[in-house]
């Protein structure tokens, strides 16, 4: 069954409005305007309301970088927010980067909820979880806070360092950090005979490993899925595949999963979105996930 899912537990994040290729968002007490290529419709709030509400706006200089324009110089470049669901609380350091990101993807809270619920339901008191293409570690933090032995893999050293800061900020410890090409790491884990109870994949459309390895989603995802399912524990497991590529649908994700793992139990596919306070919905990627165990 195809689902549309949006986070339910955010207090430190709010999508206020989106449209005309922009979004107006609140992170803690800071309100920002950022580019949003998916928002092809008109804004529901007036331009004057946007200008009145925001503290900082991102202005692009090129297709990949830009600068932040502050209305007040006292507005911070870095600040903290937290996320709490029924099982865990995790914290993040946010920062104004030159490529418009802040260090968090708020829609992923849906997956953090699924991760924590799955881990809490396993019979294994310390299940092993692998987070691939892990960025600043939201899924890693959720897994570790829920009690999992967690391995975090990303090819960019700076974002792994950032994720480590988030771990400390969240009062957690002992996440295993790997600055590594995800596909190479998975192949080595297969040779080692390793097994995981949970695997999270959030691959980019394009990317590079630490030694220049090239990643292109449509060229590499089938190989990755065929390998990664070999790492799943037979008795208890979950897997989440999340993609942002504009060319991918939830049907493609479903086919990818079932062609690699036909026995996937409790398979769900669909689209993640953020509900704006103004009334519109902002789509932000498609997902597929499955679980073997007894969800509470």
C-alpha atoms as a PDB file:
ATOM      1  CA  UNK A   1       0.000   0.000   0.000  1.00  0.00           C
ATOM      2  CA  UNK A   2       1.394   3.427  -0.961  1.00  0.00           C
ATOM      3  CA  UNK A   3       1.351   5.905   1.919  1.00  0.00           C
ATOM      4  CA  UNK A   4       1.850   9.637   2.411  1.00  0.00           C
ATOM      5  CA  UNK A   5       3.654  10.277   5.699  1.00  0.00           C
ATOM      6  CA  UNK A   6       4.578  13.458   7.567  1.00  0.00           C
ATOM      7  CA  UNK A   7       6.232  13.908  10.998  1.00  0.00           C
ATOM      8  CA  UNK A   8       3.936  14.145  14.031  1.00  0.00           C
ATOM      9  CA  UNK A   9       6.233  15.008  16.957  1.00  0.00           C
ATOM     10  CA  UNK A  10       8.160  18.126  15.898  1.00  0.00           C
ATOM     11  CA  UNK A  11       8.085  21.090  18.293  1.00  0.00           C
ATOM     12  CA  UNK A  12      11.349  22.739  17.244  1.00  0.00           C
ATOM     13  CA  UNK A  13      10.524  22.652  13.526  1.00  0.00           C
ATOM     14  CA  UNK A  14       7.672  24.136  11.509  1.00  0.00           C
ATOM     15  CA  UNK A  15       7.118  24.535   7.781  1.00  0.00           C
ATOM     16  CA  UNK A  16       5.214  27.813   7.677  1.00  0.00           C
ATOM     17  CA  UNK A  17       4.643  28.140   3.928  1.00  0.00           C
ATOM     18  CA  UNK A  18       6.177  27.164   0.595  1.00  0.00           C
ATOM     19  CA  UNK A  19       5.779  28.132  -3.037  1.00  0.00           C
ATOM     20  CA  UNK A  20       7.430  29.980  -5.923  1.00  0.00           C
ATOM     21  CA  UNK A  21      10.453  27.676  -5.460  1.00  0.00           C
ATOM     22  CA  UNK A  22      11.027  28.734  -1.847  1.00  0.00           C
ATOM     23  CA  UNK A  23      10.117  27.557   1.657  1.00  0.00           C
ATOM     24  CA  UNK A  24       9.611  29.488   4.888  1.00  0.00           C
ATOM     25  CA  UNK A  25      10.677  27.398   7.897  1.00  0.00           C
ATOM     26  CA  UNK A  26      11.149  27.734  11.643  1.00  0.00           C
ATOM     27  CA  UNK A  27      14.005  25.877  13.318  1.00  0.00           C
ATOM     28  CA  UNK A  28      13.743  26.575  17.044  1.00  0.00           C
ATOM     29  CA  UNK A  29      13.353  30.341  17.244  1.00  0.00           C
ATOM     30  CA  UNK A  30      14.983  31.087  13.884  1.00  0.00           C
ATOM     31  CA  UNK A  31      12.876  31.522  10.736  1.00  0.00           C
ATOM     32  CA  UNK A  32      14.547  31.095   7.356  1.00  0.00           C
ATOM     33  CA  UNK A  33      13.770  31.376   3.663  1.00  0.00           C
ATOM     34  CA  UNK A  34      15.494  28.739   1.525  1.00  0.00           C
ATOM     35  CA  UNK A  35      15.216  27.598  -2.108  1.00  0.00           C
ATOM     36  CA  UNK A  36      12.924  24.622  -2.723  1.00  0.00           C
ATOM     37  CA  UNK A  37      12.821  23.207  -6.283  1.00  0.00           C
ATOM     38  CA  UNK A  38       9.731  21.087  -5.542  1.00  0.00           C
ATOM     39  CA  UNK A  39       7.568  24.100  -4.609  1.00  0.00           C
ATOM     40  CA  UNK A  40       6.344  24.936  -8.107  1.00  0.00           C
ATOM     41  CA  UNK A  41       2.995  26.410  -6.934  1.00  0.00           C
ATOM     42  CA  UNK A  42       2.208  29.895  -5.640  1.00  0.00           C
ATOM     43  CA  UNK A  43       2.882  30.891  -2.049  1.00  0.00           C
ATOM     44  CA  UNK A  44      -0.234  30.878   0.096  1.00  0.00           C
ATOM     45  CA  UNK A  45       0.993  33.646   2.400  1.00  0.00           C
ATOM     46  CA  UNK A  46       1.703  37.099   0.997  1.00  0.00           C
ATOM     47  CA  UNK A  47       5.204  38.251   0.155  1.00  0.00           C
ATOM     48  CA  UNK A  48       4.935  40.898   2.840  1.00  0.00           C
ATOM     49  CA  UNK A  49       4.194  38.185   5.443  1.00  0.00           C
ATOM     50  CA  UNK A  50       7.266  36.236   4.338  1.00  0.00           C
ATOM     51  CA  UNK A  51       9.445  39.337   4.597  1.00  0.00           C
ATOM     52  CA  UNK A  52       8.041  40.209   8.005  1.00  0.00           C
ATOM     53  CA  UNK A  53       8.461  36.738   9.493  1.00  0.00           C
ATOM     54  CA  UNK A  54      11.910  35.633   8.362  1.00  0.00           C
ATOM     55  CA  UNK A  55      15.229  36.288  10.117  1.00  0.00           C
ATOM     56  CA  UNK A  56      17.587  34.913   7.447  1.00  0.00           C
ATOM     57  CA  UNK A  57      17.323  34.294   3.704  1.00  0.00           C
ATOM     58  CA  UNK A  58      19.542  32.180   1.480  1.00  0.00           C
ATOM     59  CA  UNK A  59      20.626  33.836  -1.755  1.00  0.00           C
ATOM     60  CA  UNK A  60      22.204  31.588  -4.358  1.00  0.00           C
ATOM     61  CA  UNK A  61      25.340  32.626  -6.210  1.00  0.00           C
ATOM     62  CA  UNK A  62      25.527  29.478  -8.334  1.00  0.00           C
ATOM     63  CA  UNK A  63      23.701  26.182  -8.741  1.00  0.00           C
ATOM     64  CA  UNK A  64      25.584  24.705  -5.787  1.00  0.00           C
ATOM     65  CA  UNK A  65      26.406  27.545  -3.386  1.00  0.00           C
ATOM     66  CA  UNK A  66      25.288  30.892  -2.032  1.00  0.00           C
ATOM     67  CA  UNK A  67      25.162  33.136   1.011  1.00  0.00           C
ATOM     68  CA  UNK A  68      22.852  33.841   3.935  1.00  0.00           C
ATOM     69  CA  UNK A  69      21.425  37.353   4.308  1.00  0.00           C
ATOM     70  CA  UNK A  70      20.476  38.280   7.883  1.00  0.00           C
ATOM     71  CA  UNK A  71      17.967  40.976   8.791  1.00  0.00           C
ATOM     72  CA  UNK A  72      19.696  41.306  12.160  1.00  0.00           C
ATOM     73  CA  UNK A  73      23.407  40.646  12.690  1.00  0.00           C
ATOM     74  CA  UNK A  74      22.693  39.206  16.144  1.00  0.00           C
ATOM     75  CA  UNK A  75      20.922  36.187  14.611  1.00  0.00           C
ATOM     76  CA  UNK A  76      23.226  33.189  15.264  1.00  0.00           C
ATOM     77  CA  UNK A  77      25.112  31.208  12.635  1.00  0.00           C
ATOM     78  CA  UNK A  78      24.801  28.098  14.827  1.00  0.00           C
ATOM     79  CA  UNK A  79      22.127  26.957  17.263  1.00  0.00           C
ATOM     80  CA  UNK A  80      20.590  23.797  18.717  1.00  0.00           C
ATOM     81  CA  UNK A  81      17.231  22.090  18.345  1.00  0.00           C
ATOM     82  CA  UNK A  82      15.833  18.835  19.717  1.00  0.00           C
ATOM     83  CA  UNK A  83      13.431  16.144  18.566  1.00  0.00           C
ATOM     84  CA  UNK A  84      11.431  13.925  20.907  1.00  0.00           C
ATOM     85  CA  UNK A  85       9.034  11.114  20.090  1.00  0.00           C
ATOM     86  CA  UNK A  86       7.431   8.562  22.419  1.00  0.00           C
ATOM     87  CA  UNK A  87      10.698   6.656  22.893  1.00  0.00           C
ATOM     88  CA  UNK A  88      13.748   8.925  22.570  1.00  0.00           C
ATOM     89  CA  UNK A  89      14.987  12.507  22.536  1.00  0.00           C
ATOM     90  CA  UNK A  90      17.874  13.584  20.295  1.00  0.00           C
ATOM     91  CA  UNK A  91      19.552  16.941  19.700  1.00  0.00           C
ATOM     92  CA  UNK A  92      21.177  18.633  16.740  1.00  0.00           C
ATOM     93  CA  UNK A  93      23.592  21.448  16.102  1.00  0.00           C
ATOM     94  CA  UNK A  94      22.401  23.500  13.135  1.00  0.00           C
ATOM     95  CA  UNK A  95      24.648  25.701  11.023  1.00  0.00           C
ATOM     96  CA  UNK A  96      24.289  27.987   7.999  1.00  0.00           C
ATOM     97  CA  UNK A  97      26.223  26.227   5.234  1.00  0.00           C
ATOM     98  CA  UNK A  98      27.163  27.677   1.853  1.00  0.00           C
ATOM     99  CA  UNK A  99      25.070  25.011   0.087  1.00  0.00           C
ATOM    100  CA  UNK A 100      21.745  26.026   1.794  1.00  0.00           C
ATOM    101  CA  UNK A 101      21.558  23.041   4.167  1.00  0.00           C
ATOM    102  CA  UNK A 102      21.468  23.343   7.957  1.00  0.00           C
ATOM    103  CA  UNK A 103      22.522  19.826   8.975  1.00  0.00           C
ATOM    104  CA  UNK A 104      19.098  18.236   9.270  1.00  0.00           C
ATOM    105  CA  UNK A 105      16.248  16.987   7.067  1.00  0.00           C
ATOM    106  CA  UNK A 106      13.087  17.427   9.212  1.00  0.00           C
ATOM    107  CA  UNK A 107      10.917  15.069   7.167  1.00  0.00           C
ATOM    108  CA  UNK A 108      13.210  12.200   8.204  1.00  0.00           C
ATOM    109  CA  UNK A 109      11.611  12.265  11.659  1.00  0.00           C
ATOM    110  CA  UNK A 110       9.065   9.804  10.230  1.00  0.00           C
ATOM    111  CA  UNK A 111      11.886   7.314   9.737  1.00  0.00           C
ATOM    112  CA  UNK A 112      13.392   8.056  13.172  1.00  0.00           C
ATOM    113  CA  UNK A 113      10.038   7.065  14.680  1.00  0.00           C
ATOM    114  CA  UNK A 114      10.023   3.809  12.695  1.00  0.00           C
ATOM    115  CA  UNK A 115      13.611   3.053  13.750  1.00  0.00           C
ATOM    116  CA  UNK A 116      12.973   3.575  17.448  1.00  0.00           C
ATOM    117  CA  UNK A 117       9.707   1.631  17.421  1.00  0.00           C
ATOM    118  CA  UNK A 118      11.364  -1.279  15.598  1.00  0.00           C
ATOM    119  CA  UNK A 119      14.362  -1.419  17.943  1.00  0.00           C
ATOM    120  CA  UNK A 120      12.190  -1.236  21.046  1.00  0.00           C
ATOM    121  CA  UNK A 121      10.158  -4.193  19.765  1.00  0.00           C
ATOM    122  CA  UNK A 122      13.102  -6.508  19.050  1.00  0.00           C
ATOM    123  CA  UNK A 123      13.795  -9.393  21.432  1.00  0.00           C
ATOM    124  CA  UNK A 124      17.529  -8.726  21.058  1.00  0.00           C
ATOM    125  CA  UNK A 125      18.373  -6.240  23.867  1.00  0.00           C
ATOM    126  CA  UNK A 126      21.145  -4.578  21.803  1.00  0.00           C
ATOM    127  CA  UNK A 127      20.378  -5.028  18.115  1.00  0.00           C
ATOM    128  CA  UNK A 128      22.954  -3.934  15.530  1.00  0.00           C
ATOM    129  CA  UNK A 129      22.014  -1.075  13.190  1.00  0.00           C
ATOM    130  CA  UNK A 130      23.883   0.164  10.105  1.00  0.00           C
ATOM    131  CA  UNK A 131      23.242   3.689   8.793  1.00  0.00           C
ATOM    132  CA  UNK A 132      24.595   4.237   5.263  1.00  0.00           C
ATOM    133  CA  UNK A 133      24.994   7.665   3.605  1.00  0.00           C
ATOM    134  CA  UNK A 134      24.386   8.805   7.171  1.00  0.00           C
ATOM    135  CA  UNK A 135      25.068  12.586   6.918  1.00  0.00           C
ATOM    136  CA  UNK A 136      24.886  14.342  10.324  1.00  0.00           C
ATOM    137  CA  UNK A 137      23.372  11.307  11.970  1.00  0.00           C
ATOM    138  CA  UNK A 138      19.682  11.781  12.747  1.00  0.00           C
ATOM    139  CA  UNK A 139      18.934   8.096  12.128  1.00  0.00           C
ATOM    140  CA  UNK A 140      22.129   7.056  13.943  1.00  0.00           C
ATOM    141  CA  UNK A 141      21.155   9.109  16.992  1.00  0.00           C
ATOM    142  CA  UNK A 142      17.634   7.662  17.009  1.00  0.00           C
ATOM    143  CA  UNK A 143      18.972   4.108  16.761  1.00  0.00           C
ATOM    144  CA  UNK A 144      21.577   4.588  19.494  1.00  0.00           C
ATOM    145  CA  UNK A 145      19.120   6.362  21.805  1.00  0.00           C
ATOM    146  CA  UNK A 146      16.739   3.406  21.385  1.00  0.00           C
ATOM    147  CA  UNK A 147      19.483   1.029  22.538  1.00  0.00           C
ATOM    148  CA  UNK A 148      21.061  -0.227  19.298  1.00  0.00           C
ATOM    149  CA  UNK A 149      24.745  -0.943  18.662  1.00  0.00           C
ATOM    150  CA  UNK A 150      25.040   1.605  15.844  1.00  0.00           C
ATOM    151  CA  UNK A 151      27.461   1.990  12.923  1.00  0.00           C
ATOM    152  CA  UNK A 152      27.421   5.286  10.999  1.00  0.00           C
ATOM    153  CA  UNK A 153      28.927   5.408   7.485  1.00  0.00           C
ATOM    154  CA  UNK A 154      29.466   8.544   5.393  1.00  0.00           C
ATOM    155  CA  UNK A 155      32.143   9.474   2.872  1.00  0.00           C
ATOM    156  CA  UNK A 156      32.628  13.079   4.061  1.00  0.00           C
ATOM    157  CA  UNK A 157      34.798  13.505   7.154  1.00  0.00           C
ATOM    158  CA  UNK A 158      33.334  16.913   8.067  1.00  0.00           C
ATOM    159  CA  UNK A 159      29.761  15.628   8.325  1.00  0.00           C
ATOM    160  CA  UNK A 160      30.876  12.609  10.359  1.00  0.00           C
ATOM    161  CA  UNK A 161      32.546  15.054  12.752  1.00  0.00           C
ATOM    162  CA  UNK A 162      29.275  17.008  12.836  1.00  0.00           C
ATOM    163  CA  UNK A 163      27.347  13.809  13.601  1.00  0.00           C
ATOM    164  CA  UNK A 164      29.784  13.094  16.447  1.00  0.00           C
ATOM    165  CA  UNK A 165      28.994  16.538  17.906  1.00  0.00           C
ATOM    166  CA  UNK A 166      25.280  15.692  17.695  1.00  0.00           C
ATOM    167  CA  UNK A 167      25.920  12.459  19.579  1.00  0.00           C
ATOM    168  CA  UNK A 168      27.641  14.368  22.400  1.00  0.00           C
ATOM    169  CA  UNK A 169      24.903  17.003  22.408  1.00  0.00           C
ATOM    170  CA  UNK A 170      22.290  14.228  22.734  1.00  0.00           C
ATOM    171  CA  UNK A 171      24.065  12.700  25.731  1.00  0.00           C
ATOM    172  CA  UNK A 172      24.885   9.511  23.809  1.00  0.00           C
ATOM    173  CA  UNK A 173      28.113   7.582  23.259  1.00  0.00           C
ATOM    174  CA  UNK A 174      29.741   4.661  21.449  1.00  0.00           C
ATOM    175  CA  UNK A 175      28.400   5.133  17.913  1.00  0.00           C
ATOM    176  CA  UNK A 176      30.917   3.580  15.516  1.00  0.00           C
ATOM    177  CA  UNK A 177      32.042   6.227  12.993  1.00  0.00           C
ATOM    178  CA  UNK A 178      33.229   5.206   9.502  1.00  0.00           C
ATOM    179  CA  UNK A 179      34.470   7.696   6.890  1.00  0.00           C
ATOM    180  CA  UNK A 180      34.046   5.285   4.030  1.00  0.00           C
ATOM    181  CA  UNK A 181      32.494   4.614   0.636  1.00  0.00           C
ATOM    182  CA  UNK A 182      29.175   2.953   1.502  1.00  0.00           C
ATOM    183  CA  UNK A 183      29.235   0.296  -1.221  1.00  0.00           C
ATOM    184  CA  UNK A 184      32.807  -0.754  -0.428  1.00  0.00           C
ATOM    185  CA  UNK A 185      31.991  -0.929   3.282  1.00  0.00           C
ATOM    186  CA  UNK A 186      28.957  -3.157   2.649  1.00  0.00           C
ATOM    187  CA  UNK A 187      30.983  -5.550   0.490  1.00  0.00           C
ATOM    188  CA  UNK A 188      33.618  -5.881   3.221  1.00  0.00           C
ATOM    189  CA  UNK A 189      30.960  -6.525   5.863  1.00  0.00           C
ATOM    190  CA  UNK A 190      29.546  -9.348   3.702  1.00  0.00           C
ATOM    191  CA  UNK A 191      33.011 -10.947   3.504  1.00  0.00           C
ATOM    192  CA  UNK A 192      33.330 -10.634   7.299  1.00  0.00           C
ATOM    193  CA  UNK A 193      30.026 -12.436   7.754  1.00  0.00           C
ATOM    194  CA  UNK A 194      28.485  -9.519   9.655  1.00  0.00           C
ATOM    195  CA  UNK A 195      24.755  -9.272  10.289  1.00  0.00           C
ATOM    196  CA  UNK A 196      22.577  -6.297  11.237  1.00  0.00           C
ATOM    197  CA  UNK A 197      19.070  -6.063  12.656  1.00  0.00           C
ATOM    198  CA  UNK A 198      18.478  -2.682  11.079  1.00  0.00           C
ATOM    199  CA  UNK A 199      19.815  -1.021   7.922  1.00  0.00           C
ATOM    200  CA  UNK A 200      19.071   2.538   6.800  1.00  0.00           C
ATOM    201  CA  UNK A 201      19.948   3.834   3.336  1.00  0.00           C
ATOM    202  CA  UNK A 202      19.492   7.487   2.420  1.00  0.00           C
ATOM    203  CA  UNK A 203      21.576   7.754  -0.752  1.00  0.00           C
ATOM    204  CA  UNK A 204      22.077  10.987  -2.716  1.00  0.00           C
ATOM    205  CA  UNK A 205      21.309  11.251  -6.405  1.00  0.00           C
ATOM    206  CA  UNK A 206      25.020  11.889  -6.978  1.00  0.00           C
ATOM    207  CA  UNK A 207      28.013  11.570  -4.693  1.00  0.00           C
ATOM    208  CA  UNK A 208      31.665  10.666  -4.240  1.00  0.00           C
ATOM    209  CA  UNK A 209      33.509   8.402  -1.842  1.00  0.00           C
ATOM    210  CA  UNK A 210      36.546   9.563   0.154  1.00  0.00           C
ATOM    211  CA  UNK A 211      38.894   8.228  -2.560  1.00  0.00           C
ATOM    212  CA  UNK A 212      36.953   9.618  -5.511  1.00  0.00           C
ATOM    213  CA  UNK A 213      34.552   6.681  -5.898  1.00  0.00           C
ATOM    214  CA  UNK A 214      31.579   7.771  -7.991  1.00  0.00           C
ATOM    215  CA  UNK A 215      27.976   7.243  -6.911  1.00  0.00           C
ATOM    216  CA  UNK A 216      25.019   7.767  -9.243  1.00  0.00           C
ATOM    217  CA  UNK A 217      21.744   6.565  -7.788  1.00  0.00           C
ATOM    218  CA  UNK A 218      20.186   4.934 -10.834  1.00  0.00           C
ATOM    219  CA  UNK A 219      23.471   3.232 -11.787  1.00  0.00           C
ATOM    220  CA  UNK A 220      24.439   1.934  -8.348  1.00  0.00           C
ATOM    221  CA  UNK A 221      21.315   1.400  -6.248  1.00  0.00           C
ATOM    222  CA  UNK A 222      20.482  -2.059  -7.640  1.00  0.00           C
ATOM    223  CA  UNK A 223      23.966  -3.346  -6.768  1.00  0.00           C
ATOM    224  CA  UNK A 224      23.758  -1.734  -3.335  1.00  0.00           C
ATOM    225  CA  UNK A 225      20.371  -3.286  -2.569  1.00  0.00           C
ATOM    226  CA  UNK A 226      21.512  -6.720  -3.739  1.00  0.00           C
ATOM    227  CA  UNK A 227      24.468  -6.517  -1.370  1.00  0.00           C
ATOM    228  CA  UNK A 228      22.890  -4.868   1.642  1.00  0.00           C
ATOM    229  CA  UNK A 229      20.081  -7.386   2.103  1.00  0.00           C
ATOM    230  CA  UNK A 230      22.746 -10.061   2.625  1.00  0.00           C
ATOM    231  CA  UNK A 231      23.629  -8.299   5.879  1.00  0.00           C
ATOM    232  CA  UNK A 232      20.142  -8.608   7.388  1.00  0.00           C
ATOM    233  CA  UNK A 233      19.657 -10.828  10.423  1.00  0.00           C
ATOM    234  CA  UNK A 234      17.269 -13.643   9.538  1.00  0.00           C
ATOM    235  CA  UNK A 235      15.189 -13.509  12.729  1.00  0.00           C
ATOM    236  CA  UNK A 236      14.659  -9.796  13.430  1.00  0.00           C
ATOM    237  CA  UNK A 237      15.291  -6.930  11.068  1.00  0.00           C
ATOM    238  CA  UNK A 238      14.133  -3.719   9.462  1.00  0.00           C
ATOM    239  CA  UNK A 239      15.329  -1.888   6.373  1.00  0.00           C
ATOM    240  CA  UNK A 240      14.588   1.676   5.239  1.00  0.00           C
ATOM    241  CA  UNK A 241      15.394   2.984   1.765  1.00  0.00           C
ATOM    242  CA  UNK A 242      14.846   6.702   1.270  1.00  0.00           C
ATOM    243  CA  UNK A 243      15.495   8.540  -2.012  1.00  0.00           C
ATOM    244  CA  UNK A 244      15.288  12.199  -3.047  1.00  0.00           C
ATOM    245  CA  UNK A 245      15.833  11.784  -6.784  1.00  0.00           C
ATOM    246  CA  UNK A 246      13.094  13.562  -8.729  1.00  0.00           C
ATOM    247  CA  UNK A 247      12.963  10.640 -11.174  1.00  0.00           C
ATOM    248  CA  UNK A 248      12.208   8.006  -8.533  1.00  0.00           C
ATOM    249  CA  UNK A 249       8.701   6.951  -7.528  1.00  0.00           C
ATOM    250  CA  UNK A 250       7.570   4.727  -4.669  1.00  0.00           C
ATOM    251  CA  UNK A 251       6.796   2.015  -7.252  1.00  0.00           C
ATOM    252  CA  UNK A 252      10.453   2.035  -8.345  1.00  0.00           C
ATOM    253  CA  UNK A 253      11.524   1.718  -4.708  1.00  0.00           C
ATOM    254  CA  UNK A 254       9.071  -1.159  -4.198  1.00  0.00           C
ATOM    255  CA  UNK A 255      10.452  -2.970  -7.243  1.00  0.00           C
ATOM    256  CA  UNK A 256      14.040  -2.420  -6.071  1.00  0.00           C
ATOM    257  CA  UNK A 257      13.306  -3.920  -2.667  1.00  0.00           C
ATOM    258  CA  UNK A 258      11.303  -6.899  -3.866  1.00  0.00           C
ATOM    259  CA  UNK A 259      13.741  -7.789  -6.655  1.00  0.00           C
ATOM    260  CA  UNK A 260      16.557  -7.846  -4.091  1.00  0.00           C
ATOM    261  CA  UNK A 261      14.596  -9.311  -1.154  1.00  0.00           C
ATOM    262  CA  UNK A 262      11.379 -11.045  -2.302  1.00  0.00           C
ATOM    263  CA  UNK A 263      10.601 -12.245   1.226  1.00  0.00           C
ATOM    264  CA  UNK A 264      10.355  -8.708   2.660  1.00  0.00           C
ATOM    265  CA  UNK A 265       7.698  -8.777   5.396  1.00  0.00           C
ATOM    266  CA  UNK A 266       5.385  -5.861   6.204  1.00  0.00           C
ATOM    267  CA  UNK A 267       6.583  -3.839   3.202  1.00  0.00           C
ATOM    268  CA  UNK A 268       5.440  -0.217   3.083  1.00  0.00           C
ATOM    269  CA  UNK A 269       6.170   2.312   0.352  1.00  0.00           C
ATOM    270  CA  UNK A 270       5.162   5.895  -0.122  1.00  0.00           C
ATOM    271  CA  UNK A 271       6.130   9.532  -0.078  1.00  0.00           C
ATOM    272  CA  UNK A 272       7.397  11.736   2.724  1.00  0.00           C
ATOM    273  CA  UNK A 273       6.101  15.279   2.932  1.00  0.00           C
ATOM    274  CA  UNK A 274       6.014  18.243   5.278  1.00  0.00           C
ATOM    275  CA  UNK A 275       2.680  19.817   6.120  1.00  0.00           C
ATOM    276  CA  UNK A 276       2.863  23.610   5.956  1.00  0.00           C
ATOM    277  CA  UNK A 277       0.923  25.653   8.488  1.00  0.00           C
ATOM    278  CA  UNK A 278      -0.470  27.624   5.557  1.00  0.00           C
ATOM    279  CA  UNK A 279      -2.158  24.469   4.239  1.00  0.00           C
ATOM    280  CA  UNK A 280      -0.006  23.104   1.410  1.00  0.00           C
ATOM    281  CA  UNK A 281       2.033  19.892   1.441  1.00  0.00           C
ATOM    282  CA  UNK A 282       5.703  19.797   0.398  1.00  0.00           C
ATOM    283  CA  UNK A 283       6.839  16.403  -1.027  1.00  0.00           C
ATOM    284  CA  UNK A 284      10.390  15.475  -0.019  1.00  0.00           C
ATOM    285  CA  UNK A 285      11.307  12.037  -1.239  1.00  0.00           C
ATOM    286  CA  UNK A 286       9.994   8.503  -1.500  1.00  0.00           C
ATOM    287  CA  UNK A 287      10.606   5.599   0.853  1.00  0.00           C
ATOM    288  CA  UNK A 288      10.344   1.853   1.131  1.00  0.00           C
ATOM    289  CA  UNK A 289      10.644  -0.010   4.416  1.00  0.00           C
ATOM    290  CA  UNK A 290      10.003  -3.468   5.785  1.00  0.00           C
ATOM    291  CA  UNK A 291      10.172  -5.202   9.131  1.00  0.00           C
ATOM    292  CA  UNK A 292      10.438  -8.732  10.497  1.00  0.00           C
ATOM    293  CA  UNK A 293       9.511  -9.130  14.137  1.00  0.00           C
ATOM    294  CA  UNK A 294       6.573  -8.113  16.284  1.00  0.00           C
ATOM    295  CA  UNK A 295       5.869  -4.400  16.171  1.00  0.00           C
ATOM    296  CA  UNK A 296       4.157  -3.158  19.306  1.00  0.00           C
END
